[in-house]
Structures are given as structure tokens and as C-alpha cells.
């Protein structure tokens, strides 16, 4: 084999390598996108002005970033959920100020979601399954209060900021503060608001 033939074969091998690398890159990008579209759960921080750590792994090996919400300044942190491992979730974190994205792990219990009422109710389930027992919670009710020395009837609403305790697929185990009662149940997708500001109709 002469030098020309060797260069030609090497050039073909290099072309195959570049092509293979490009295919791998496209597959990995699509896989990442597929993870987001598969879950597409948008959570936010449960507490305002409370520092939360984003870790490099589910074992909390090292801190990638520290984040804090500041509602008065309009800075809210959102999380797209990629996967769950025990009490931790792998997320793509972003905020409403600079849109910077950070990938890492946070504790599920540090997050919340806004409820999305339908016909003034929320349907909550014992398990992440429509066949499990269901509890219907009214999102508002009539109550009596004293205002300006007068006893009057008003409409009260349950706190639609639900703390997230667990995730199973697109179901969320949440803590719902209803009228004189706290429910810890599973919230199906249709009652979840995927806008972290709560602007869901």
C-alpha cells in the first residue's frame, strides 16, 4: 500500500468517525429533550427567601449552586423535573430574572406546585392511579368573619400552593391545606398548574 492509498483510507475513517460523533450528539440532545417532554413538570421553591442547595448528584456529593426566591423582586426559581431517585429529583433549574439554566439535584420536599382547580374543586387520590380512592376538595367555601365590627359571610380559598412530597410519573404527592384539614394525597396532571407564577386558567 502506497502513501496515497493510506491517506485515502485514513480520510474515510476520519469521515466515519465525525459522522458517528454527530449522530451520537444528536441522539444525546434528543434524549435530553425527551426527558424534559416526558416529565414536563414545572415546580418552584416551597419557601420564599429560603436558601436551597442544588447538588451534583442524588447523594449530595457537592453543591453546584445555592438559590433563593425573592417574590418582592420578582425572582422565582423554576424546575423542570428529569428524574427522581428516592427523596431527590434531577432538575433543570432556571429563574425569572436571568433565565440561566443549572442542572443538578434537589430535595423533593423543597419544592411546590400551584394547584389548577376545575369547576372549583381539586380531585386528590390515595395512590398515583385513577382507580384508587378519590377525595374531592372544594377550592373555596363560605365562612363568617368579623370586619369593621360586623359579622359577615365571605368566600375563602384553600392555599393553592401545594408542597410536593413525592413524584410518580406525572403524578405529584402533595400537601393540601383545606378547610380545617390537611390532605396528603396524589394530585393528577390536570390539577397541576405548570406555570410557576400560578397563571393557569
C-alpha atoms as a PDB file:
ATOM      1  CA  UNK A   1       0.000   0.000   0.000  1.00  0.00           C
ATOM      2  CA  UNK A   2       1.412   3.346  -1.004  1.00  0.00           C
ATOM      3  CA  UNK A   3       1.103   6.640   0.887  1.00  0.00           C
ATOM      4  CA  UNK A   4      -1.804   7.898  -1.276  1.00  0.00           C
ATOM      5  CA  UNK A   5      -3.922   4.824  -0.546  1.00  0.00           C
ATOM      6  CA  UNK A   6      -3.124   5.115   3.188  1.00  0.00           C
ATOM      7  CA  UNK A   7      -4.202   8.797   3.241  1.00  0.00           C
ATOM      8  CA  UNK A   8      -7.414   7.920   1.385  1.00  0.00           C
ATOM      9  CA  UNK A   9      -8.335   5.158   3.893  1.00  0.00           C
ATOM     10  CA  UNK A  10      -7.429   7.405   6.845  1.00  0.00           C
ATOM     11  CA  UNK A  11      -9.589  10.186   5.400  1.00  0.00           C
ATOM     12  CA  UNK A  12     -12.555   7.783   5.014  1.00  0.00           C
ATOM     13  CA  UNK A  13     -12.097   6.552   8.616  1.00  0.00           C
ATOM     14  CA  UNK A  14     -11.980  10.156   9.865  1.00  0.00           C
ATOM     15  CA  UNK A  15     -15.207  10.926   7.961  1.00  0.00           C
ATOM     16  CA  UNK A  16     -16.934   7.906   9.540  1.00  0.00           C
ATOM     17  CA  UNK A  17     -15.731   8.999  12.984  1.00  0.00           C
ATOM     18  CA  UNK A  18     -17.076  12.539  12.536  1.00  0.00           C
ATOM     19  CA  UNK A  19     -20.379  11.175  11.221  1.00  0.00           C
ATOM     20  CA  UNK A  20     -20.675   8.795  14.209  1.00  0.00           C
ATOM     21  CA  UNK A  21     -19.886  11.609  16.645  1.00  0.00           C
ATOM     22  CA  UNK A  22     -22.556  13.818  15.041  1.00  0.00           C
ATOM     23  CA  UNK A  23     -25.153  11.030  15.320  1.00  0.00           C
ATOM     24  CA  UNK A  24     -24.256  10.453  18.998  1.00  0.00           C
ATOM     25  CA  UNK A  25     -24.537  14.172  19.697  1.00  0.00           C
ATOM     26  CA  UNK A  26     -27.971  14.371  18.054  1.00  0.00           C
ATOM     27  CA  UNK A  27     -29.192  11.309  19.954  1.00  0.00           C
ATOM     28  CA  UNK A  28     -27.987  12.712  23.283  1.00  0.00           C
ATOM     29  CA  UNK A  29     -29.671  16.077  22.592  1.00  0.00           C
ATOM     30  CA  UNK A  30     -32.897  14.311  21.626  1.00  0.00           C
ATOM     31  CA  UNK A  31     -32.677  12.094  24.713  1.00  0.00           C
ATOM     32  CA  UNK A  32     -32.303  15.171  26.917  1.00  0.00           C
ATOM     33  CA  UNK A  33     -35.289  16.811  25.210  1.00  0.00           C
ATOM     34  CA  UNK A  34     -37.274  13.585  25.523  1.00  0.00           C
ATOM     35  CA  UNK A  35     -36.626  13.517  29.268  1.00  0.00           C
ATOM     36  CA  UNK A  36     -37.996  17.045  29.641  1.00  0.00           C
ATOM     37  CA  UNK A  37     -41.038  16.406  27.452  1.00  0.00           C
ATOM     38  CA  UNK A  38     -41.634  13.074  29.202  1.00  0.00           C
ATOM     39  CA  UNK A  39     -41.958  14.745  32.612  1.00  0.00           C
ATOM     40  CA  UNK A  40     -42.560  18.450  31.872  1.00  0.00           C
ATOM     41  CA  UNK A  41     -43.399  19.074  35.490  1.00  0.00           C
ATOM     42  CA  UNK A  42     -42.675  22.667  36.449  1.00  0.00           C
ATOM     43  CA  UNK A  43     -42.085  23.080  40.176  1.00  0.00           C
ATOM     44  CA  UNK A  44     -40.877  26.045  42.224  1.00  0.00           C
ATOM     45  CA  UNK A  45     -39.352  26.645  45.646  1.00  0.00           C
ATOM     46  CA  UNK A  46     -41.696  25.942  48.547  1.00  0.00           C
ATOM     47  CA  UNK A  47     -40.422  28.816  50.701  1.00  0.00           C
ATOM     48  CA  UNK A  48     -39.630  32.417  49.797  1.00  0.00           C
ATOM     49  CA  UNK A  49     -36.239  33.763  50.934  1.00  0.00           C
ATOM     50  CA  UNK A  50     -35.062  30.285  51.950  1.00  0.00           C
ATOM     51  CA  UNK A  51     -31.729  29.059  50.566  1.00  0.00           C
ATOM     52  CA  UNK A  52     -31.901  25.749  48.710  1.00  0.00           C
ATOM     53  CA  UNK A  53     -28.906  23.763  47.504  1.00  0.00           C
ATOM     54  CA  UNK A  54     -28.550  22.175  44.074  1.00  0.00           C
ATOM     55  CA  UNK A  55     -26.237  19.166  44.255  1.00  0.00           C
ATOM     56  CA  UNK A  56     -24.079  17.422  41.650  1.00  0.00           C
ATOM     57  CA  UNK A  57     -25.666  14.029  42.409  1.00  0.00           C
ATOM     58  CA  UNK A  58     -28.551  12.405  44.267  1.00  0.00           C
ATOM     59  CA  UNK A  59     -26.026  11.518  47.003  1.00  0.00           C
ATOM     60  CA  UNK A  60     -25.458  15.248  47.620  1.00  0.00           C
ATOM     61  CA  UNK A  61     -21.728  14.925  46.900  1.00  0.00           C
ATOM     62  CA  UNK A  62     -21.067  18.583  46.177  1.00  0.00           C
ATOM     63  CA  UNK A  63     -23.048  21.809  45.873  1.00  0.00           C
ATOM     64  CA  UNK A  64     -23.431  23.107  42.311  1.00  0.00           C
ATOM     65  CA  UNK A  65     -25.379  26.236  43.271  1.00  0.00           C
ATOM     66  CA  UNK A  66     -27.326  27.940  46.057  1.00  0.00           C
ATOM     67  CA  UNK A  67     -30.651  29.503  45.077  1.00  0.00           C
ATOM     68  CA  UNK A  68     -33.220  31.693  46.823  1.00  0.00           C
ATOM     69  CA  UNK A  69     -36.585  33.094  45.752  1.00  0.00           C
ATOM     70  CA  UNK A  70     -37.370  36.757  46.227  1.00  0.00           C
ATOM     71  CA  UNK A  71     -41.046  37.308  45.452  1.00  0.00           C
ATOM     72  CA  UNK A  72     -40.911  41.076  46.034  1.00  0.00           C
ATOM     73  CA  UNK A  73     -38.110  41.438  43.478  1.00  0.00           C
ATOM     74  CA  UNK A  74     -39.936  39.150  41.022  1.00  0.00           C
ATOM     75  CA  UNK A  75     -37.243  36.479  41.176  1.00  0.00           C
ATOM     76  CA  UNK A  76     -38.735  32.988  41.212  1.00  0.00           C
ATOM     77  CA  UNK A  77     -36.861  29.744  40.595  1.00  0.00           C
ATOM     78  CA  UNK A  78     -38.472  27.034  38.487  1.00  0.00           C
ATOM     79  CA  UNK A  79     -37.502  23.399  37.950  1.00  0.00           C
ATOM     80  CA  UNK A  80     -38.175  21.015  35.092  1.00  0.00           C
ATOM     81  CA  UNK A  81     -38.053  17.507  36.519  1.00  0.00           C
ATOM     82  CA  UNK A  82     -35.899  14.994  34.639  1.00  0.00           C
ATOM     83  CA  UNK A  83     -35.873  12.027  37.014  1.00  0.00           C
ATOM     84  CA  UNK A  84     -36.431  11.003  40.621  1.00  0.00           C
ATOM     85  CA  UNK A  85     -34.221   8.992  42.952  1.00  0.00           C
ATOM     86  CA  UNK A  86     -35.525   8.380  46.463  1.00  0.00           C
ATOM     87  CA  UNK A  87     -36.123  11.809  48.053  1.00  0.00           C
ATOM     88  CA  UNK A  88     -34.139  13.703  45.381  1.00  0.00           C
ATOM     89  CA  UNK A  89     -35.036  14.923  41.898  1.00  0.00           C
ATOM     90  CA  UNK A  90     -32.764  15.710  38.980  1.00  0.00           C
ATOM     91  CA  UNK A  91     -33.823  19.046  37.523  1.00  0.00           C
ATOM     92  CA  UNK A  92     -33.057  21.809  35.087  1.00  0.00           C
ATOM     93  CA  UNK A  93     -33.316  24.912  37.290  1.00  0.00           C
ATOM     94  CA  UNK A  94     -33.952  28.415  35.929  1.00  0.00           C
ATOM     95  CA  UNK A  95     -35.242  31.710  37.262  1.00  0.00           C
ATOM     96  CA  UNK A  96     -37.479  34.533  36.085  1.00  0.00           C
ATOM     97  CA  UNK A  97     -34.719  37.163  36.150  1.00  0.00           C
ATOM     98  CA  UNK A  98     -31.798  35.917  34.048  1.00  0.00           C
ATOM     99  CA  UNK A  99     -33.051  32.601  32.579  1.00  0.00           C
ATOM    100  CA  UNK A 100     -29.716  30.944  33.450  1.00  0.00           C
ATOM    101  CA  UNK A 101     -30.107  27.158  33.483  1.00  0.00           C
ATOM    102  CA  UNK A 102     -28.463  24.893  36.065  1.00  0.00           C
ATOM    103  CA  UNK A 103     -28.697  21.111  36.023  1.00  0.00           C
ATOM    104  CA  UNK A 104     -28.470  19.236  39.315  1.00  0.00           C
ATOM    105  CA  UNK A 105     -30.281  17.502  42.164  1.00  0.00           C
ATOM    106  CA  UNK A 106     -32.560  18.988  44.834  1.00  0.00           C
ATOM    107  CA  UNK A 107     -34.723  17.577  47.624  1.00  0.00           C
ATOM    108  CA  UNK A 108     -38.319  16.986  46.519  1.00  0.00           C
ATOM    109  CA  UNK A 109     -39.661  18.426  49.789  1.00  0.00           C
ATOM    110  CA  UNK A 110     -38.053  21.812  48.962  1.00  0.00           C
ATOM    111  CA  UNK A 111     -40.437  22.211  46.011  1.00  0.00           C
ATOM    112  CA  UNK A 112     -44.066  23.128  45.416  1.00  0.00           C
ATOM    113  CA  UNK A 113     -46.601  23.413  42.624  1.00  0.00           C
ATOM    114  CA  UNK A 114     -49.627  25.624  42.138  1.00  0.00           C
ATOM    115  CA  UNK A 115     -52.933  23.816  42.018  1.00  0.00           C
ATOM    116  CA  UNK A 116     -55.180  24.169  38.994  1.00  0.00           C
ATOM    117  CA  UNK A 117     -58.805  23.988  40.079  1.00  0.00           C
ATOM    118  CA  UNK A 118     -61.500  22.647  37.782  1.00  0.00           C
ATOM    119  CA  UNK A 119     -65.097  23.705  38.486  1.00  0.00           C
ATOM    120  CA  UNK A 120     -63.970  24.955  41.918  1.00  0.00           C
ATOM    121  CA  UNK A 121     -62.636  21.579  43.033  1.00  0.00           C
ATOM    122  CA  UNK A 122     -59.448  19.519  43.246  1.00  0.00           C
ATOM    123  CA  UNK A 123     -59.516  15.752  42.892  1.00  0.00           C
ATOM    124  CA  UNK A 124     -56.971  14.032  45.125  1.00  0.00           C
ATOM    125  CA  UNK A 125     -56.174  10.305  45.067  1.00  0.00           C
ATOM    126  CA  UNK A 126     -54.801   7.859  47.642  1.00  0.00           C
ATOM    127  CA  UNK A 127     -52.337   6.469  45.065  1.00  0.00           C
ATOM    128  CA  UNK A 128     -50.978   7.722  41.727  1.00  0.00           C
ATOM    129  CA  UNK A 129     -53.754   5.848  39.933  1.00  0.00           C
ATOM    130  CA  UNK A 130     -57.233   6.931  38.783  1.00  0.00           C
ATOM    131  CA  UNK A 131     -58.634   3.627  40.102  1.00  0.00           C
ATOM    132  CA  UNK A 132     -57.554   4.370  43.687  1.00  0.00           C
ATOM    133  CA  UNK A 133     -59.959   6.024  46.191  1.00  0.00           C
ATOM    134  CA  UNK A 134     -60.560   9.704  45.408  1.00  0.00           C
ATOM    135  CA  UNK A 135     -61.178  12.731  47.643  1.00  0.00           C
ATOM    136  CA  UNK A 136     -62.872  15.811  46.180  1.00  0.00           C
ATOM    137  CA  UNK A 137     -61.791  19.043  47.874  1.00  0.00           C
ATOM    138  CA  UNK A 138     -63.698  22.278  47.248  1.00  0.00           C
ATOM    139  CA  UNK A 139     -61.306  25.082  46.362  1.00  0.00           C
ATOM    140  CA  UNK A 140     -63.476  27.704  48.079  1.00  0.00           C
ATOM    141  CA  UNK A 141     -66.164  27.789  50.727  1.00  0.00           C
ATOM    142  CA  UNK A 142     -68.332  30.214  52.694  1.00  0.00           C
ATOM    143  CA  UNK A 143     -67.133  31.283  56.101  1.00  0.00           C
ATOM    144  CA  UNK A 144     -68.010  34.008  58.611  1.00  0.00           C
ATOM    145  CA  UNK A 145     -65.604  36.699  59.782  1.00  0.00           C
ATOM    146  CA  UNK A 146     -65.781  39.944  61.727  1.00  0.00           C
ATOM    147  CA  UNK A 147     -64.874  43.003  59.646  1.00  0.00           C
ATOM    148  CA  UNK A 148     -65.260  46.567  60.872  1.00  0.00           C
ATOM    149  CA  UNK A 149     -67.306  45.354  63.820  1.00  0.00           C
ATOM    150  CA  UNK A 150     -69.744  43.470  61.566  1.00  0.00           C
ATOM    151  CA  UNK A 151     -70.197  39.719  61.352  1.00  0.00           C
ATOM    152  CA  UNK A 152     -70.337  38.819  57.668  1.00  0.00           C
ATOM    153  CA  UNK A 153     -70.210  35.907  55.231  1.00  0.00           C
ATOM    154  CA  UNK A 154     -67.211  35.745  52.865  1.00  0.00           C
ATOM    155  CA  UNK A 155     -65.712  33.297  50.410  1.00  0.00           C
ATOM    156  CA  UNK A 156     -62.408  31.730  51.478  1.00  0.00           C
ATOM    157  CA  UNK A 157     -60.000  29.806  49.265  1.00  0.00           C
ATOM    158  CA  UNK A 158     -57.688  26.963  50.134  1.00  0.00           C
ATOM    159  CA  UNK A 159     -53.986  27.672  49.755  1.00  0.00           C
ATOM    160  CA  UNK A 160     -53.276  26.552  46.165  1.00  0.00           C
ATOM    161  CA  UNK A 161     -49.524  26.482  46.809  1.00  0.00           C
ATOM    162  CA  UNK A 162     -49.069  22.733  47.345  1.00  0.00           C
ATOM    163  CA  UNK A 163     -45.871  21.362  48.856  1.00  0.00           C
ATOM    164  CA  UNK A 164     -44.561  18.405  46.822  1.00  0.00           C
ATOM    165  CA  UNK A 165     -43.613  15.298  48.811  1.00  0.00           C
ATOM    166  CA  UNK A 166     -43.118  12.685  46.092  1.00  0.00           C
ATOM    167  CA  UNK A 167     -43.335  12.134  42.333  1.00  0.00           C
ATOM    168  CA  UNK A 168     -44.538   9.146  40.335  1.00  0.00           C
ATOM    169  CA  UNK A 169     -44.515   9.743  36.573  1.00  0.00           C
ATOM    170  CA  UNK A 170     -46.645  12.875  36.154  1.00  0.00           C
ATOM    171  CA  UNK A 171     -48.459  12.424  39.462  1.00  0.00           C
ATOM    172  CA  UNK A 172     -47.416  14.508  42.464  1.00  0.00           C
ATOM    173  CA  UNK A 173     -47.890  13.621  46.110  1.00  0.00           C
ATOM    174  CA  UNK A 174     -48.830  16.933  47.696  1.00  0.00           C
ATOM    175  CA  UNK A 175     -49.814  18.531  50.972  1.00  0.00           C
ATOM    176  CA  UNK A 176     -53.095  20.429  50.521  1.00  0.00           C
ATOM    177  CA  UNK A 177     -54.349  22.770  53.259  1.00  0.00           C
ATOM    178  CA  UNK A 178     -58.127  22.631  53.021  1.00  0.00           C
ATOM    179  CA  UNK A 179     -60.860  23.915  55.318  1.00  0.00           C
ATOM    180  CA  UNK A 180     -59.839  22.797  58.835  1.00  0.00           C
ATOM    181  CA  UNK A 181     -57.939  19.831  57.385  1.00  0.00           C
ATOM    182  CA  UNK A 182     -54.627  18.928  55.753  1.00  0.00           C
ATOM    183  CA  UNK A 183     -54.698  16.349  52.975  1.00  0.00           C
ATOM    184  CA  UNK A 184     -51.642  14.372  51.876  1.00  0.00           C
ATOM    185  CA  UNK A 185     -52.731  12.832  48.597  1.00  0.00           C
ATOM    186  CA  UNK A 186     -51.763  12.368  44.949  1.00  0.00           C
ATOM    187  CA  UNK A 187     -52.559  15.165  42.504  1.00  0.00           C
ATOM    188  CA  UNK A 188     -53.112  14.162  38.854  1.00  0.00           C
ATOM    189  CA  UNK A 189     -51.708  16.163  35.956  1.00  0.00           C
ATOM    190  CA  UNK A 190     -54.926  18.013  35.080  1.00  0.00           C
ATOM    191  CA  UNK A 191     -54.995  19.681  38.513  1.00  0.00           C
ATOM    192  CA  UNK A 192     -51.381  20.888  38.287  1.00  0.00           C
ATOM    193  CA  UNK A 193     -50.520  24.391  37.088  1.00  0.00           C
ATOM    194  CA  UNK A 194     -47.327  24.194  35.034  1.00  0.00           C
ATOM    195  CA  UNK A 195     -46.778  27.968  35.280  1.00  0.00           C
ATOM    196  CA  UNK A 196     -44.698  28.778  38.369  1.00  0.00           C
ATOM    197  CA  UNK A 197     -46.444  32.161  38.751  1.00  0.00           C
ATOM    198  CA  UNK A 198     -49.798  30.356  39.093  1.00  0.00           C
ATOM    199  CA  UNK A 199     -51.272  31.933  35.949  1.00  0.00           C
ATOM    200  CA  UNK A 200     -53.347  28.962  34.844  1.00  0.00           C
ATOM    201  CA  UNK A 201     -56.928  29.185  33.624  1.00  0.00           C
END
